[in-house]
Amino acid sequence: MDFVAEHFMLVNTAHRSNKRANLSLLKALSTFQLPFELDYHFARVENSEKAQVLAKIANLASQEHGDKLEQDFLNRELHSSTATGKMIALPHIITPLIERATLVVIKSPEPMDWQSPKLGPVSLVISLILPAPPNRPLLVSFTHLTKSLLDEEFCHLLTTSREPEAIRAILTHQLVKGQRAQPSQ
């Protein structure tokens, strides 16, 4: 194990907490470097309903425009639920109210009703808020991330990870992989 630790960066996915982990080191690795700025927020909620979670997401994303973002999320949910199955919901909007891509993650210890009987409850909400109009690198990365949510193992890794920084590292890595999967232009 010492050889691996000396030659590779390890990310603790929090199946056992490691208080000594220095996840700020990840920022220096190309595996975690995005070609765009990304705001990231994480919160835990208990006993919340869908509308409360969407309000929290909106306010974490923008205190100035929280009410409008909340309404945008509620309007989006009117068209169809953003539950993906696998205990994850993916509320997403494109808006001119923000300047940088924003990823808000909400984790709940108990499953929440996301008003999608077919896809079931959720315990992890991954919200994507993209500035309008989104540029190509944003669309490529976020499309790759959303497609990754079809993979059962990837979803299991996300839903069983307890540490916010581990979840952030997993999501950021997927966004970067989206860039690498695209042919150079």
C-alpha atoms as a PDB file:
ATOM      1  CA  MET A   1       0.000   0.000   0.000  1.00  0.00           C
ATOM      2  CA  ASP A   2       2.918   2.383   0.648  1.00  0.00           C
ATOM      3  CA  PHE A   3       4.026   2.030  -2.978  1.00  0.00           C
ATOM      4  CA  VAL A   4       0.560   2.957  -4.206  1.00  0.00           C
ATOM      5  CA  ALA A   5       0.340   5.931  -1.830  1.00  0.00           C
ATOM      6  CA  GLU A   6       3.765   7.165  -2.947  1.00  0.00           C
ATOM      7  CA  HIS A   7       2.961   7.033  -6.658  1.00  0.00           C
ATOM      8  CA  PHE A   8      -0.764   7.712  -6.914  1.00  0.00           C
ATOM      9  CA  MET A   9      -3.268  10.146  -5.439  1.00  0.00           C
ATOM     10  CA  LEU A  10      -5.945   8.257  -3.522  1.00  0.00           C
ATOM     11  CA  VAL A  11      -9.419   9.641  -2.955  1.00  0.00           C
ATOM     12  CA  ASN A  12     -11.188   8.436   0.159  1.00  0.00           C
ATOM     13  CA  THR A  13     -14.832   7.852  -0.744  1.00  0.00           C
ATOM     14  CA  ALA A  14     -15.687   7.916   2.950  1.00  0.00           C
ATOM     15  CA  HIS A  15     -16.554   4.344   3.582  1.00  0.00           C
ATOM     16  CA  ARG A  16     -14.119   5.021   6.409  1.00  0.00           C
ATOM     17  CA  SER A  17     -13.466   8.632   7.305  1.00  0.00           C
ATOM     18  CA  ASN A  18      -9.923   9.925   6.975  1.00  0.00           C
ATOM     19  CA  LYS A  19      -9.553  13.224   8.818  1.00  0.00           C
ATOM     20  CA  ARG A  20      -5.949  13.572   7.625  1.00  0.00           C
ATOM     21  CA  ALA A  21      -6.801  13.542   3.918  1.00  0.00           C
ATOM     22  CA  ASN A  22      -5.666  16.728   2.198  1.00  0.00           C
ATOM     23  CA  LEU A  23      -8.107  17.008  -0.669  1.00  0.00           C
ATOM     24  CA  SER A  24      -6.798  20.446  -1.591  1.00  0.00           C
ATOM     25  CA  LEU A  25      -3.934  18.544  -3.248  1.00  0.00           C
ATOM     26  CA  LEU A  26      -6.439  17.281  -5.807  1.00  0.00           C
ATOM     27  CA  LYS A  27      -6.732  20.719  -7.360  1.00  0.00           C
ATOM     28  CA  ALA A  28      -3.175  20.456  -8.675  1.00  0.00           C
ATOM     29  CA  LEU A  29      -3.842  17.202 -10.533  1.00  0.00           C
ATOM     30  CA  SER A  30      -4.899  17.312 -14.187  1.00  0.00           C
ATOM     31  CA  THR A  31      -7.536  14.696 -13.394  1.00  0.00           C
ATOM     32  CA  PHE A  32      -9.439  17.406 -11.514  1.00  0.00           C
ATOM     33  CA  GLN A  33      -8.757  20.503 -13.648  1.00  0.00           C
ATOM     34  CA  LEU A  34     -11.710  21.828 -15.609  1.00  0.00           C
ATOM     35  CA  PRO A  35     -11.479  24.215 -18.584  1.00  0.00           C
ATOM     36  CA  PHE A  36     -14.097  26.435 -16.911  1.00  0.00           C
ATOM     37  CA  GLU A  37     -14.827  27.847 -13.471  1.00  0.00           C
ATOM     38  CA  LEU A  38     -17.240  25.888 -11.322  1.00  0.00           C
ATOM     39  CA  ASP A  39     -19.013  26.927  -8.142  1.00  0.00           C
ATOM     40  CA  TYR A  40     -19.656  23.953  -5.870  1.00  0.00           C
ATOM     41  CA  HIS A  41     -21.929  23.787  -2.842  1.00  0.00           C
ATOM     42  CA  PHE A  42     -22.793  20.874  -0.565  1.00  0.00           C
ATOM     43  CA  ALA A  43     -25.435  20.597   2.138  1.00  0.00           C
ATOM     44  CA  ARG A  44     -27.065  17.898   4.197  1.00  0.00           C
ATOM     45  CA  VAL A  45     -30.804  17.970   4.826  1.00  0.00           C
ATOM     46  CA  GLU A  46     -33.105  15.916   6.993  1.00  0.00           C
ATOM     47  CA  ASN A  47     -36.842  15.422   6.716  1.00  0.00           C
ATOM     48  CA  SER A  48     -37.114  17.712   3.712  1.00  0.00           C
ATOM     49  CA  GLU A  49     -39.576  17.767   0.883  1.00  0.00           C
ATOM     50  CA  LYS A  50     -38.771  18.336  -2.763  1.00  0.00           C
ATOM     51  CA  ALA A  51     -39.830  22.019  -2.777  1.00  0.00           C
ATOM     52  CA  GLN A  52     -37.691  22.740   0.304  1.00  0.00           C
ATOM     53  CA  VAL A  53     -34.674  21.084  -1.287  1.00  0.00           C
ATOM     54  CA  LEU A  54     -35.127  23.055  -4.515  1.00  0.00           C
ATOM     55  CA  ALA A  55     -35.353  26.281  -2.470  1.00  0.00           C
ATOM     56  CA  LYS A  56     -32.140  25.380  -0.631  1.00  0.00           C
ATOM     57  CA  ILE A  57     -30.376  24.635  -3.923  1.00  0.00           C
ATOM     58  CA  ALA A  58     -31.480  27.973  -5.379  1.00  0.00           C
ATOM     59  CA  ASN A  59     -30.305  29.934  -2.345  1.00  0.00           C
ATOM     60  CA  LEU A  60     -26.956  28.148  -2.202  1.00  0.00           C
ATOM     61  CA  ALA A  61     -26.432  28.887  -5.894  1.00  0.00           C
ATOM     62  CA  SER A  62     -27.304  32.584  -5.619  1.00  0.00           C
ATOM     63  CA  GLN A  63     -28.458  34.583  -2.635  1.00  0.00           C
ATOM     64  CA  GLU A  64     -29.248  37.495  -4.931  1.00  0.00           C
ATOM     65  CA  HIS A  65     -31.415  35.498  -7.375  1.00  0.00           C
ATOM     66  CA  GLY A  66     -32.486  32.604  -5.139  1.00  0.00           C
ATOM     67  CA  ASP A  67     -36.225  33.250  -5.471  1.00  0.00           C
ATOM     68  CA  LYS A  68     -36.099  33.353  -9.275  1.00  0.00           C
ATOM     69  CA  LEU A  69     -33.892  30.249  -9.482  1.00  0.00           C
ATOM     70  CA  GLU A  70     -36.268  28.423  -7.145  1.00  0.00           C
ATOM     71  CA  GLN A  71     -39.175  29.276  -9.443  1.00  0.00           C
ATOM     72  CA  ASP A  72     -37.160  28.098 -12.453  1.00  0.00           C
ATOM     73  CA  PHE A  73     -36.510  24.757 -10.734  1.00  0.00           C
ATOM     74  CA  LEU A  74     -40.174  24.364  -9.780  1.00  0.00           C
ATOM     75  CA  ASN A  75     -41.216  25.153 -13.359  1.00  0.00           C
ATOM     76  CA  ARG A  76     -38.718  22.590 -14.650  1.00  0.00           C
ATOM     77  CA  GLU A  77     -40.173  19.935 -12.356  1.00  0.00           C
ATOM     78  CA  LEU A  78     -43.672  20.640 -13.708  1.00  0.00           C
ATOM     79  CA  HIS A  79     -42.600  19.223 -17.084  1.00  0.00           C
ATOM     80  CA  SER A  80     -41.268  15.982 -15.616  1.00  0.00           C
ATOM     81  CA  SER A  81     -39.560  14.773 -12.485  1.00  0.00           C
ATOM     82  CA  THR A  82     -35.786  14.989 -12.467  1.00  0.00           C
ATOM     83  CA  ALA A  83     -35.485  11.744 -10.502  1.00  0.00           C
ATOM     84  CA  THR A  84     -33.105   9.418 -12.321  1.00  0.00           C
ATOM     85  CA  GLY A  85     -33.749   6.262 -10.342  1.00  0.00           C
ATOM     86  CA  LYS A  86     -30.870   4.788  -8.364  1.00  0.00           C
ATOM     87  CA  MET A  87     -31.710   7.181  -5.449  1.00  0.00           C
ATOM     88  CA  ILE A  88     -30.493  10.288  -7.336  1.00  0.00           C
ATOM     89  CA  ALA A  89     -32.292  13.365  -8.670  1.00  0.00           C
ATOM     90  CA  LEU A  90     -30.785  15.729 -11.226  1.00  0.00           C
ATOM     91  CA  PRO A  91     -32.597  19.080 -11.222  1.00  0.00           C
ATOM     92  CA  HIS A  92     -31.042  21.307 -13.881  1.00  0.00           C
ATOM     93  CA  ILE A  93     -31.603  24.691 -15.475  1.00  0.00           C
ATOM     94  CA  ILE A  94     -29.884  27.095 -17.855  1.00  0.00           C
ATOM     95  CA  THR A  95     -30.251  30.727 -16.801  1.00  0.00           C
ATOM     96  CA  PRO A  96     -28.740  34.152 -17.488  1.00  0.00           C
ATOM     97  CA  LEU A  97     -28.917  34.878 -13.739  1.00  0.00           C
ATOM     98  CA  ILE A  98     -25.577  33.224 -12.986  1.00  0.00           C
ATOM     99  CA  GLU A  99     -22.178  33.827 -14.527  1.00  0.00           C
ATOM    100  CA  ARG A 100     -20.444  30.524 -13.716  1.00  0.00           C
ATOM    101  CA  ALA A 101     -21.533  26.926 -13.879  1.00  0.00           C
ATOM    102  CA  THR A 102     -22.784  25.816 -10.485  1.00  0.00           C
ATOM    103  CA  LEU A 103     -23.061  22.351  -9.017  1.00  0.00           C
ATOM    104  CA  VAL A 104     -25.113  22.001  -5.824  1.00  0.00           C
ATOM    105  CA  VAL A 105     -25.191  18.645  -4.050  1.00  0.00           C
ATOM    106  CA  ILE A 106     -27.747  17.851  -1.359  1.00  0.00           C
ATOM    107  CA  LYS A 107     -27.442  14.649   0.674  1.00  0.00           C
ATOM    108  CA  SER A 108     -30.158  13.222   2.900  1.00  0.00           C
ATOM    109  CA  PRO A 109     -29.752  10.334   5.349  1.00  0.00           C
ATOM    110  CA  GLU A 110     -33.333   9.281   4.622  1.00  0.00           C
ATOM    111  CA  PRO A 111     -34.857   8.863   1.156  1.00  0.00           C
ATOM    112  CA  MET A 112     -36.997  11.816   0.032  1.00  0.00           C
ATOM    113  CA  ASP A 113     -40.132  11.639  -2.082  1.00  0.00           C
ATOM    114  CA  TRP A 114     -39.187  13.241  -5.399  1.00  0.00           C
ATOM    115  CA  GLN A 115     -42.739  12.808  -6.699  1.00  0.00           C
ATOM    116  CA  SER A 116     -41.803  10.149  -9.199  1.00  0.00           C
ATOM    117  CA  PRO A 117     -43.541   6.886  -8.269  1.00  0.00           C
ATOM    118  CA  LYS A 118     -41.938   5.094 -11.204  1.00  0.00           C
ATOM    119  CA  LEU A 119     -38.346   6.054 -10.287  1.00  0.00           C
ATOM    120  CA  GLY A 120     -38.707   6.074  -6.510  1.00  0.00           C
ATOM    121  CA  PRO A 121     -37.290   8.254  -3.741  1.00  0.00           C
ATOM    122  CA  VAL A 122     -33.909   9.996  -3.712  1.00  0.00           C
ATOM    123  CA  SER A 123     -31.200  10.465  -1.109  1.00  0.00           C
ATOM    124  CA  LEU A 124     -28.774  12.472  -3.260  1.00  0.00           C
ATOM    125  CA  VAL A 125     -29.658  15.531  -5.329  1.00  0.00           C
ATOM    126  CA  ILE A 126     -27.111  16.762  -7.861  1.00  0.00           C
ATOM    127  CA  SER A 127     -28.226  20.094  -9.256  1.00  0.00           C
ATOM    128  CA  LEU A 128     -26.723  21.648 -12.384  1.00  0.00           C
ATOM    129  CA  ILE A 129     -27.116  25.352 -13.074  1.00  0.00           C
ATOM    130  CA  LEU A 130     -25.510  26.555 -16.271  1.00  0.00           C
ATOM    131  CA  PRO A 131     -25.176  30.164 -17.428  1.00  0.00           C
ATOM    132  CA  ALA A 132     -27.086  31.104 -20.567  1.00  0.00           C
ATOM    133  CA  PRO A 133     -25.917  30.620 -23.187  1.00  0.00           C
ATOM    134  CA  PRO A 134     -23.664  27.746 -22.101  1.00  0.00           C
ATOM    135  CA  ASN A 135     -20.405  27.310 -23.980  1.00  0.00           C
ATOM    136  CA  ARG A 136     -19.319  24.043 -25.566  1.00  0.00           C
ATOM    137  CA  PRO A 137     -16.936  22.868 -22.803  1.00  0.00           C
ATOM    138  CA  LEU A 138     -19.747  23.225 -20.252  1.00  0.00           C
ATOM    139  CA  LEU A 139     -22.213  21.290 -22.370  1.00  0.00           C
ATOM    140  CA  VAL A 140     -19.702  18.533 -23.125  1.00  0.00           C
ATOM    141  CA  SER A 141     -18.702  18.067 -19.475  1.00  0.00           C
ATOM    142  CA  PHE A 142     -22.195  18.219 -18.038  1.00  0.00           C
ATOM    143  CA  THR A 143     -23.615  15.927 -20.729  1.00  0.00           C
ATOM    144  CA  HIS A 144     -20.922  13.385 -19.847  1.00  0.00           C
ATOM    145  CA  LEU A 145     -21.807  13.675 -16.152  1.00  0.00           C
ATOM    146  CA  THR A 146     -25.514  13.151 -16.795  1.00  0.00           C
ATOM    147  CA  LYS A 147     -24.804  10.103 -18.973  1.00  0.00           C
ATOM    148  CA  SER A 148     -22.637   8.714 -16.165  1.00  0.00           C
ATOM    149  CA  LEU A 149     -25.735   8.632 -13.968  1.00  0.00           C
ATOM    150  CA  LEU A 150     -26.998   5.728 -16.085  1.00  0.00           C
ATOM    151  CA  ASP A 151     -24.163   3.588 -14.683  1.00  0.00           C
ATOM    152  CA  GLU A 152     -25.266   1.670 -11.568  1.00  0.00           C
ATOM    153  CA  GLU A 153     -21.749   1.434 -10.122  1.00  0.00           C
ATOM    154  CA  PHE A 154     -21.144   5.162 -10.523  1.00  0.00           C
ATOM    155  CA  CYS A 155     -24.467   5.945  -8.837  1.00  0.00           C
ATOM    156  CA  HIS A 156     -23.702   3.513  -6.020  1.00  0.00           C
ATOM    157  CA  LEU A 157     -20.329   5.189  -5.459  1.00  0.00           C
ATOM    158  CA  LEU A 158     -22.025   8.589  -5.209  1.00  0.00           C
ATOM    159  CA  THR A 159     -24.878   7.522  -2.948  1.00  0.00           C
ATOM    160  CA  THR A 160     -22.661   5.580  -0.540  1.00  0.00           C
ATOM    161  CA  SER A 161     -19.965   8.263  -0.229  1.00  0.00           C
ATOM    162  CA  ARG A 162     -20.407  10.270   2.948  1.00  0.00           C
ATOM    163  CA  GLU A 163     -17.710  12.937   2.744  1.00  0.00           C
ATOM    164  CA  PRO A 164     -18.594  16.097   0.768  1.00  0.00           C
ATOM    165  CA  GLU A 165     -15.078  16.421  -0.668  1.00  0.00           C
ATOM    166  CA  ALA A 166     -15.117  12.828  -1.906  1.00  0.00           C
ATOM    167  CA  ILE A 167     -18.416  13.448  -3.706  1.00  0.00           C
ATOM    168  CA  ARG A 168     -16.959  16.636  -5.152  1.00  0.00           C
ATOM    169  CA  ALA A 169     -13.860  14.771  -6.379  1.00  0.00           C
ATOM    170  CA  ILE A 170     -15.973  12.047  -8.002  1.00  0.00           C
ATOM    171  CA  LEU A 171     -18.203  14.570  -9.791  1.00  0.00           C
ATOM    172  CA  THR A 172     -15.315  16.802 -10.855  1.00  0.00           C
ATOM    173  CA  HIS A 173     -13.443  13.808 -12.221  1.00  0.00           C
ATOM    174  CA  GLN A 174     -16.478  12.871 -14.353  1.00  0.00           C
ATOM    175  CA  LEU A 175     -16.717  16.425 -15.684  1.00  0.00           C
ATOM    176  CA  VAL A 176     -13.037  16.317 -16.679  1.00  0.00           C
ATOM    177  CA  LYS A 177     -13.487  12.892 -18.295  1.00  0.00           C
ATOM    178  CA  GLY A 178     -16.157  14.462 -20.491  1.00  0.00           C
ATOM    179  CA  GLN A 179     -13.570  16.870 -21.877  1.00  0.00           C
ATOM    180  CA  ARG A 180     -11.088  14.097 -22.526  1.00  0.00           C
ATOM    181  CA  ALA A 181     -13.677  11.993 -24.354  1.00  0.00           C
ATOM    182  CA  GLN A 182     -14.226  14.747 -26.933  1.00  0.00           C
ATOM    183  CA  PRO A 183     -12.043  14.981 -30.034  1.00  0.00           C
ATOM    184  CA  SER A 184      -9.924  18.146 -30.212  1.00  0.00           C
ATOM    185  CA  GLN A 185     -11.394  20.972 -32.231  1.00  0.00           C
END
